[in-house]
Amino acid sequence: MLEILFILFVLFFFILPRAALACVLGIWTVACIARAVELWSHQPSAGKLLLKIRVISVLFNFLMSVATASILSVIVHFLILENRYLFLFNFVFCFFISLRWFDYSQYFYRLAVLRFFDLEVPVVSPSAFVVCEGSKSNYVFGRMYVPVFFDAGFLYSEGNKFVFKGVLGEYRYRSCDLTEIIKRSSDTIRLIPRAEKGPFNSKILDFKFKDRFYPFKSRHDRDKIIDSLSETGVSHSSASLK
């Protein structure tokens, strides 16, 4: 059934590319808004300000990516080749590359969290400033995960424990508390706690590193923290959870 739907979707793109692109963007926008509303409704009152700082950070990164893409596209347009289709391609390409590879707001984000919530920087090593999003299963539209809380703080290992000290609380996990550690990307770690071990009834915990301007350079920090837990007996992999 899924294969048939995928083939029909590809044919739809070839026959009516503009309508198909509009449908994809519309679905993606609705999904993002639905996740944001779900997260806001579940987020504890003490963490509402965190979401506001996050929104400002996302908007700042978006505007800076637009500015970067505009500057690079204009340079190519006037100095190399004056072609509107090439200009549009360069703008879209540079925008998405900038949005994914650069985190313009990471310094200000960390500064705002430390300033408004008075977090203490841990003296242990390795440690990293991260944001944490907890999600749980939702079966309304099939098997999917919806966010239930958002937090920011420091992630580090302490002996045989995986420790996250955030605004909403401090979470400690031993080997018996975790099912798996997954490397989702170069700057994201996913923890799967055992039943009843996730805060705020969450089933999975995604930790995204916010310590570097280039997120993909967080791979070394990610691996150091995971390697420090290699003796805990918790399995880890690079596959994404489906």
C-alpha atoms as a PDB file:
ATOM      1  CA  MET A   1       0.000   0.000   0.000  1.00  0.00           C
ATOM      2  CA  LEU A   2       2.788   2.419   0.924  1.00  0.00           C
ATOM      3  CA  GLU A   3       4.649   1.600  -2.299  1.00  0.00           C
ATOM      4  CA  ILE A   4       1.558   2.440  -4.368  1.00  0.00           C
ATOM      5  CA  LEU A   5       1.063   5.740  -2.551  1.00  0.00           C
ATOM      6  CA  PHE A   6       4.717   6.630  -3.050  1.00  0.00           C
ATOM      7  CA  ILE A   7       4.507   5.928  -6.810  1.00  0.00           C
ATOM      8  CA  LEU A   8       1.346   8.027  -7.091  1.00  0.00           C
ATOM      9  CA  PHE A   9       3.039  10.812  -5.174  1.00  0.00           C
ATOM     10  CA  VAL A  10       6.052  10.773  -7.547  1.00  0.00           C
ATOM     11  CA  LEU A  11       3.720  10.856 -10.571  1.00  0.00           C
ATOM     12  CA  PHE A  12       1.850  13.754  -8.984  1.00  0.00           C
ATOM     13  CA  PHE A  13       5.151  15.644  -8.718  1.00  0.00           C
ATOM     14  CA  PHE A  14       5.943  15.071 -12.392  1.00  0.00           C
ATOM     15  CA  ILE A  15       2.471  15.982 -13.652  1.00  0.00           C
ATOM     16  CA  LEU A  16       1.694  18.939 -11.365  1.00  0.00           C
ATOM     17  CA  PRO A  17       4.982  19.993  -9.731  1.00  0.00           C
ATOM     18  CA  ARG A  18       3.709  23.325  -8.381  1.00  0.00           C
ATOM     19  CA  ALA A  19       0.583  21.831  -6.846  1.00  0.00           C
ATOM     20  CA  ALA A  20       2.613  18.965  -5.371  1.00  0.00           C
ATOM     21  CA  LEU A  21       5.173  21.363  -3.894  1.00  0.00           C
ATOM     22  CA  ALA A  22       2.374  23.478  -2.417  1.00  0.00           C
ATOM     23  CA  CYS A  23       0.816  20.349  -0.854  1.00  0.00           C
ATOM     24  CA  VAL A  24       4.147  19.274   0.646  1.00  0.00           C
ATOM     25  CA  LEU A  25       4.847  22.721   2.089  1.00  0.00           C
ATOM     26  CA  GLY A  26       1.297  22.938   3.441  1.00  0.00           C
ATOM     27  CA  ILE A  27       1.504  19.535   5.134  1.00  0.00           C
ATOM     28  CA  TRP A  28       4.932  20.336   6.546  1.00  0.00           C
ATOM     29  CA  THR A  29       3.715  23.696   7.904  1.00  0.00           C
ATOM     30  CA  VAL A  30       0.631  22.158   9.511  1.00  0.00           C
ATOM     31  CA  ALA A  31       2.772  19.409  11.084  1.00  0.00           C
ATOM     32  CA  CYS A  32       5.226  21.973  12.533  1.00  0.00           C
ATOM     33  CA  ILE A  33       2.389  24.083  13.944  1.00  0.00           C
ATOM     34  CA  ALA A  34       0.686  21.008  15.419  1.00  0.00           C
ATOM     35  CA  ARG A  35       3.929  19.920  17.127  1.00  0.00           C
ATOM     36  CA  ALA A  36       4.485  23.432  18.488  1.00  0.00           C
ATOM     37  CA  VAL A  37       0.937  23.619  19.889  1.00  0.00           C
ATOM     38  CA  GLU A  38       1.285  20.140  21.408  1.00  0.00           C
ATOM     39  CA  LEU A  39       4.585  21.062  23.041  1.00  0.00           C
ATOM     40  CA  TRP A  40       3.240  24.364  24.410  1.00  0.00           C
ATOM     41  CA  SER A  41       0.209  22.632  25.919  1.00  0.00           C
ATOM     42  CA  HIS A  42       2.358  20.025  27.702  1.00  0.00           C
ATOM     43  CA  GLN A  43       5.303  22.243  28.670  1.00  0.00           C
ATOM     44  CA  PRO A  44       5.473  22.920  32.450  1.00  0.00           C
ATOM     45  CA  SER A  45       4.914  26.544  33.448  1.00  0.00           C
ATOM     46  CA  ALA A  46       8.493  26.864  34.658  1.00  0.00           C
ATOM     47  CA  GLY A  47       9.729  26.133  31.146  1.00  0.00           C
ATOM     48  CA  LYS A  48       7.456  28.394  29.088  1.00  0.00           C
ATOM     49  CA  LEU A  49      10.187  31.035  28.876  1.00  0.00           C
ATOM     50  CA  LEU A  50      12.504  28.403  27.374  1.00  0.00           C
ATOM     51  CA  LEU A  51      10.113  27.936  24.470  1.00  0.00           C
ATOM     52  CA  LYS A  52       9.960  31.694  23.892  1.00  0.00           C
ATOM     53  CA  ILE A  53      13.764  31.873  23.793  1.00  0.00           C
ATOM     54  CA  ARG A  54      13.739  28.932  21.398  1.00  0.00           C
ATOM     55  CA  VAL A  55      11.303  30.679  19.049  1.00  0.00           C
ATOM     56  CA  ILE A  56      13.478  33.820  19.031  1.00  0.00           C
ATOM     57  CA  SER A  57      16.520  31.655  18.312  1.00  0.00           C
ATOM     58  CA  VAL A  58      14.827  29.861  15.407  1.00  0.00           C
ATOM     59  CA  LEU A  59      13.611  33.142  13.895  1.00  0.00           C
ATOM     60  CA  PHE A  60      17.069  34.690  14.231  1.00  0.00           C
ATOM     61  CA  ASN A  61      18.697  31.704  12.497  1.00  0.00           C
ATOM     62  CA  PHE A  62      16.053  31.856   9.763  1.00  0.00           C
ATOM     63  CA  LEU A  63      16.617  35.571   9.086  1.00  0.00           C
ATOM     64  CA  MET A  64      20.395  35.204   9.141  1.00  0.00           C
ATOM     65  CA  SER A  65      20.163  32.289   6.692  1.00  0.00           C
ATOM     66  CA  VAL A  66      18.015  34.415   4.378  1.00  0.00           C
ATOM     67  CA  ALA A  67      20.554  37.243   4.594  1.00  0.00           C
ATOM     68  CA  THR A  68      23.487  34.899   3.911  1.00  0.00           C
ATOM     69  CA  ALA A  69      21.728  33.283   0.948  1.00  0.00           C
ATOM     70  CA  SER A  70      20.772  36.687  -0.463  1.00  0.00           C
ATOM     71  CA  ILE A  71      24.327  38.043  -0.269  1.00  0.00           C
ATOM     72  CA  LEU A  72      25.903  34.964  -1.882  1.00  0.00           C
ATOM     73  CA  SER A  73      23.261  34.793  -4.612  1.00  0.00           C
ATOM     74  CA  VAL A  74      23.674  38.486  -5.469  1.00  0.00           C
ATOM     75  CA  ILE A  75      27.459  38.086  -5.666  1.00  0.00           C
ATOM     76  CA  VAL A  76      27.125  35.165  -8.101  1.00  0.00           C
ATOM     77  CA  HIS A  77      24.454  36.989 -10.096  1.00  0.00           C
ATOM     78  CA  PHE A  78      26.485  40.154 -10.694  1.00  0.00           C
ATOM     79  CA  LEU A  79      30.037  38.791 -10.800  1.00  0.00           C
ATOM     80  CA  ILE A  80      29.627  35.428 -12.557  1.00  0.00           C
ATOM     81  CA  LEU A  81      26.382  34.968 -14.471  1.00  0.00           C
ATOM     82  CA  GLU A  82      23.209  37.035 -14.657  1.00  0.00           C
ATOM     83  CA  ASN A  83      20.500  34.402 -14.795  1.00  0.00           C
ATOM     84  CA  ARG A  84      17.340  34.529 -12.682  1.00  0.00           C
ATOM     85  CA  TYR A  85      16.978  30.735 -12.542  1.00  0.00           C
ATOM     86  CA  LEU A  86      20.564  30.383 -11.354  1.00  0.00           C
ATOM     87  CA  PHE A  87      19.927  33.168  -8.844  1.00  0.00           C
ATOM     88  CA  LEU A  88      16.871  31.331  -7.489  1.00  0.00           C
ATOM     89  CA  PHE A  89      18.738  28.024  -7.319  1.00  0.00           C
ATOM     90  CA  ASN A  90      21.689  29.594  -5.501  1.00  0.00           C
ATOM     91  CA  PHE A  91      19.376  31.330  -3.056  1.00  0.00           C
ATOM     92  CA  VAL A  92      17.484  28.145  -2.150  1.00  0.00           C
ATOM     93  CA  PHE A  93      20.668  26.058  -2.009  1.00  0.00           C
ATOM     94  CA  CYS A  94      22.590  28.556   0.147  1.00  0.00           C
ATOM     95  CA  PHE A  95      19.582  29.094   2.422  1.00  0.00           C
ATOM     96  CA  PHE A  96      19.196  25.418   3.314  1.00  0.00           C
ATOM     97  CA  ILE A  97      22.945  24.898   3.674  1.00  0.00           C
ATOM     98  CA  SER A  98      23.196  27.914   5.971  1.00  0.00           C
ATOM     99  CA  LEU A  99      20.149  26.846   7.995  1.00  0.00           C
ATOM    100  CA  ARG A 100      21.573  23.356   8.548  1.00  0.00           C
ATOM    101  CA  TRP A 101      25.307  24.033   8.923  1.00  0.00           C
ATOM    102  CA  PHE A 102      25.368  27.308  10.841  1.00  0.00           C
ATOM    103  CA  ASP A 103      23.890  28.107  14.250  1.00  0.00           C
ATOM    104  CA  TYR A 104      24.043  31.892  14.436  1.00  0.00           C
ATOM    105  CA  SER A 105      22.205  32.088  17.739  1.00  0.00           C
ATOM    106  CA  GLN A 106      24.056  29.440  19.748  1.00  0.00           C
ATOM    107  CA  TYR A 107      26.136  31.920  21.782  1.00  0.00           C
ATOM    108  CA  PHE A 108      23.177  34.182  22.610  1.00  0.00           C
ATOM    109  CA  TYR A 109      20.952  31.174  23.329  1.00  0.00           C
ATOM    110  CA  ARG A 110      23.356  29.791  25.900  1.00  0.00           C
ATOM    111  CA  LEU A 111      23.881  33.265  27.386  1.00  0.00           C
ATOM    112  CA  ALA A 112      20.107  33.799  27.721  1.00  0.00           C
ATOM    113  CA  VAL A 113      19.540  30.428  29.412  1.00  0.00           C
ATOM    114  CA  LEU A 114      22.386  30.982  31.886  1.00  0.00           C
ATOM    115  CA  ARG A 115      21.217  34.528  32.561  1.00  0.00           C
ATOM    116  CA  PHE A 116      17.491  33.926  33.075  1.00  0.00           C
ATOM    117  CA  PHE A 117      17.663  30.562  34.849  1.00  0.00           C
ATOM    118  CA  ASP A 118      20.916  30.872  36.797  1.00  0.00           C
ATOM    119  CA  LEU A 119      22.336  27.511  35.736  1.00  0.00           C
ATOM    120  CA  GLU A 120      25.771  26.510  37.011  1.00  0.00           C
ATOM    121  CA  VAL A 121      28.340  25.267  34.531  1.00  0.00           C
ATOM    122  CA  PRO A 122      29.548  21.804  35.652  1.00  0.00           C
ATOM    123  CA  VAL A 123      33.264  21.381  36.298  1.00  0.00           C
ATOM    124  CA  VAL A 124      33.299  17.757  35.103  1.00  0.00           C
ATOM    125  CA  SER A 125      34.656  16.771  31.683  1.00  0.00           C
ATOM    126  CA  PRO A 126      33.443  15.933  29.117  1.00  0.00           C
ATOM    127  CA  SER A 127      30.336  18.095  29.333  1.00  0.00           C
ATOM    128  CA  ALA A 128      28.284  20.069  26.805  1.00  0.00           C
ATOM    129  CA  PHE A 129      25.471  22.601  26.685  1.00  0.00           C
ATOM    130  CA  VAL A 130      22.448  20.943  25.074  1.00  0.00           C
ATOM    131  CA  VAL A 131      18.715  21.285  24.584  1.00  0.00           C
ATOM    132  CA  CYS A 132      16.508  18.319  25.417  1.00  0.00           C
ATOM    133  CA  GLU A 133      13.155  17.411  23.873  1.00  0.00           C
ATOM    134  CA  GLY A 134      11.120  14.596  25.359  1.00  0.00           C
ATOM    135  CA  SER A 135       8.486  12.845  23.267  1.00  0.00           C
ATOM    136  CA  LYS A 136       5.863  10.169  23.741  1.00  0.00           C
ATOM    137  CA  SER A 137       3.887   7.905  21.429  1.00  0.00           C
ATOM    138  CA  ASN A 138       0.723   9.147  19.763  1.00  0.00           C
ATOM    139  CA  TYR A 139      -1.548   6.819  17.813  1.00  0.00           C
ATOM    140  CA  VAL A 140      -4.099   9.338  16.513  1.00  0.00           C
ATOM    141  CA  PHE A 141      -2.432   9.603  13.093  1.00  0.00           C
ATOM    142  CA  GLY A 142      -0.565   6.333  13.177  1.00  0.00           C
ATOM    143  CA  ARG A 143       2.535   5.498  15.194  1.00  0.00           C
ATOM    144  CA  MET A 144       4.374   8.763  15.721  1.00  0.00           C
ATOM    145  CA  TYR A 145       6.000  10.747  18.492  1.00  0.00           C
ATOM    146  CA  VAL A 146       4.826  14.111  19.788  1.00  0.00           C
ATOM    147  CA  PRO A 147       6.865  16.411  22.083  1.00  0.00           C
ATOM    148  CA  VAL A 148       5.786  16.696  25.717  1.00  0.00           C
ATOM    149  CA  PHE A 149       8.525  18.897  27.209  1.00  0.00           C
ATOM    150  CA  PHE A 150      11.538  20.988  26.270  1.00  0.00           C
ATOM    151  CA  ASP A 151      14.531  21.734  28.459  1.00  0.00           C
ATOM    152  CA  ALA A 152      18.046  23.204  28.242  1.00  0.00           C
ATOM    153  CA  GLY A 153      21.114  22.570  30.356  1.00  0.00           C
ATOM    154  CA  PHE A 154      24.332  20.580  30.576  1.00  0.00           C
ATOM    155  CA  LEU A 155      24.925  16.976  29.606  1.00  0.00           C
ATOM    156  CA  TYR A 156      27.816  14.997  31.060  1.00  0.00           C
ATOM    157  CA  SER A 157      28.835  11.626  32.456  1.00  0.00           C
ATOM    158  CA  GLU A 158      29.441  11.025  36.130  1.00  0.00           C
ATOM    159  CA  GLY A 159      30.972   7.664  36.900  1.00  0.00           C
ATOM    160  CA  ASN A 160      28.626   5.120  35.362  1.00  0.00           C
ATOM    161  CA  LYS A 161      25.743   7.587  35.085  1.00  0.00           C
ATOM    162  CA  PHE A 162      24.423   9.694  32.238  1.00  0.00           C
ATOM    163  CA  VAL A 163      23.545  13.105  33.768  1.00  0.00           C
ATOM    164  CA  PHE A 164      21.522  15.992  32.368  1.00  0.00           C
ATOM    165  CA  LYS A 165      21.206  19.076  34.582  1.00  0.00           C
ATOM    166  CA  GLY A 166      18.564  21.329  33.087  1.00  0.00           C
ATOM    167  CA  VAL A 167      16.161  24.121  33.939  1.00  0.00           C
ATOM    168  CA  LEU A 168      13.231  21.808  34.681  1.00  0.00           C
ATOM    169  CA  GLY A 169      15.190  19.263  36.665  1.00  0.00           C
ATOM    170  CA  GLU A 170      18.168  16.952  36.904  1.00  0.00           C
ATOM    171  CA  TYR A 171      17.957  13.519  35.310  1.00  0.00           C
ATOM    172  CA  ARG A 172      20.373  10.666  36.028  1.00  0.00           C
ATOM    173  CA  TYR A 173      20.410   7.389  34.128  1.00  0.00           C
ATOM    174  CA  ARG A 174      22.373   4.258  34.900  1.00  0.00           C
ATOM    175  CA  SER A 175      22.786   1.301  32.573  1.00  0.00           C
ATOM    176  CA  CYS A 176      19.734  -0.384  34.055  1.00  0.00           C
ATOM    177  CA  ASP A 177      17.602   2.696  33.313  1.00  0.00           C
ATOM    178  CA  LEU A 178      18.324   2.865  29.559  1.00  0.00           C
ATOM    179  CA  THR A 179      17.442   0.599  26.671  1.00  0.00           C
ATOM    180  CA  GLU A 180      19.629   2.198  24.022  1.00  0.00           C
ATOM    181  CA  ILE A 181      21.658   5.267  23.056  1.00  0.00           C
ATOM    182  CA  ILE A 182      21.264   6.310  19.414  1.00  0.00           C
ATOM    183  CA  LYS A 183      23.452   8.699  17.415  1.00  0.00           C
ATOM    184  CA  ARG A 184      20.754  10.449  15.402  1.00  0.00           C
ATOM    185  CA  SER A 185      23.090  12.964  13.765  1.00  0.00           C
ATOM    186  CA  SER A 186      26.436  14.639  14.322  1.00  0.00           C
ATOM    187  CA  ASP A 187      24.897  16.920  16.966  1.00  0.00           C
ATOM    188  CA  THR A 188      22.043  14.837  18.398  1.00  0.00           C
ATOM    189  CA  ILE A 189      21.875  11.909  20.816  1.00  0.00           C
ATOM    190  CA  ARG A 190      18.678   9.974  21.487  1.00  0.00           C
ATOM    191  CA  LEU A 191      18.158   8.132  24.773  1.00  0.00           C
ATOM    192  CA  ILE A 192      15.487   5.488  25.159  1.00  0.00           C
ATOM    193  CA  PRO A 193      14.709   5.063  28.870  1.00  0.00           C
ATOM    194  CA  ARG A 194      13.045   1.985  30.205  1.00  0.00           C
ATOM    195  CA  ALA A 195       9.376   2.095  31.190  1.00  0.00           C
ATOM    196  CA  GLU A 196       8.499   4.726  33.818  1.00  0.00           C
ATOM    197  CA  LYS A 197      12.023   6.227  33.659  1.00  0.00           C
ATOM    198  CA  GLY A 198      11.336   9.116  31.269  1.00  0.00           C
ATOM    199  CA  PRO A 199      10.527  12.542  32.807  1.00  0.00           C
ATOM    200  CA  PHE A 200       7.025  13.918  32.163  1.00  0.00           C
ATOM    201  CA  ASN A 201       5.921  10.500  30.791  1.00  0.00           C
ATOM    202  CA  SER A 202       8.301  10.794  27.825  1.00  0.00           C
ATOM    203  CA  LYS A 203       9.363   7.669  25.954  1.00  0.00           C
ATOM    204  CA  ILE A 204      12.391   9.095  24.138  1.00  0.00           C
ATOM    205  CA  LEU A 205      14.812  11.932  24.924  1.00  0.00           C
ATOM    206  CA  ASP A 206      16.615  13.844  22.175  1.00  0.00           C
ATOM    207  CA  PHE A 207      19.679  15.861  23.234  1.00  0.00           C
ATOM    208  CA  LYS A 208      20.936  18.409  20.689  1.00  0.00           C
ATOM    209  CA  PHE A 209      24.317  20.035  21.251  1.00  0.00           C
ATOM    210  CA  LYS A 210      24.286  23.863  21.264  1.00  0.00           C
ATOM    211  CA  ASP A 211      27.940  24.545  22.016  1.00  0.00           C
ATOM    212  CA  ARG A 212      29.276  25.296  18.533  1.00  0.00           C
ATOM    213  CA  PHE A 213      28.619  27.649  15.632  1.00  0.00           C
ATOM    214  CA  TYR A 214      28.991  24.672  13.278  1.00  0.00           C
ATOM    215  CA  PRO A 215      26.632  21.954  14.628  1.00  0.00           C
ATOM    216  CA  PHE A 216      28.304  19.175  12.626  1.00  0.00           C
ATOM    217  CA  LYS A 217      31.526  19.795  14.571  1.00  0.00           C
ATOM    218  CA  SER A 218      29.770  18.556  17.727  1.00  0.00           C
ATOM    219  CA  ARG A 219      30.451  14.974  16.628  1.00  0.00           C
ATOM    220  CA  HIS A 220      33.638  14.844  18.698  1.00  0.00           C
ATOM    221  CA  ASP A 221      31.872  16.074  21.855  1.00  0.00           C
ATOM    222  CA  ARG A 222      29.021  13.632  21.240  1.00  0.00           C
ATOM    223  CA  ASP A 223      31.378  10.672  20.884  1.00  0.00           C
ATOM    224  CA  LYS A 224      33.403  11.637  23.968  1.00  0.00           C
ATOM    225  CA  ILE A 225      30.298  11.578  26.157  1.00  0.00           C
ATOM    226  CA  ILE A 226      29.098   8.281  24.688  1.00  0.00           C
ATOM    227  CA  ASP A 227      32.554   6.699  24.947  1.00  0.00           C
ATOM    228  CA  SER A 228      32.770   7.702  28.606  1.00  0.00           C
ATOM    229  CA  LEU A 229      29.685   5.547  29.155  1.00  0.00           C
ATOM    230  CA  SER A 230      31.071   2.536  27.277  1.00  0.00           C
ATOM    231  CA  GLU A 231      31.497   0.609  30.497  1.00  0.00           C
ATOM    232  CA  THR A 232      27.872   0.997  31.556  1.00  0.00           C
ATOM    233  CA  GLY A 233      26.638  -1.826  29.341  1.00  0.00           C
ATOM    234  CA  VAL A 234      24.192   0.339  27.428  1.00  0.00           C
ATOM    235  CA  SER A 235      24.065  -0.481  23.721  1.00  0.00           C
ATOM    236  CA  HIS A 236      24.401   2.347  21.227  1.00  0.00           C
ATOM    237  CA  SER A 237      24.020   2.634  17.483  1.00  0.00           C
ATOM    238  CA  SER A 238      23.946   5.183  14.657  1.00  0.00           C
ATOM    239  CA  ALA A 239      20.528   4.211  13.334  1.00  0.00           C
ATOM    240  CA  SER A 240      17.541   6.497  13.695  1.00  0.00           C
ATOM    241  CA  LEU A 241      14.543   5.241  15.617  1.00  0.00           C
ATOM    242  CA  LYS A 242      11.569   4.623  13.338  1.00  0.00           C
END
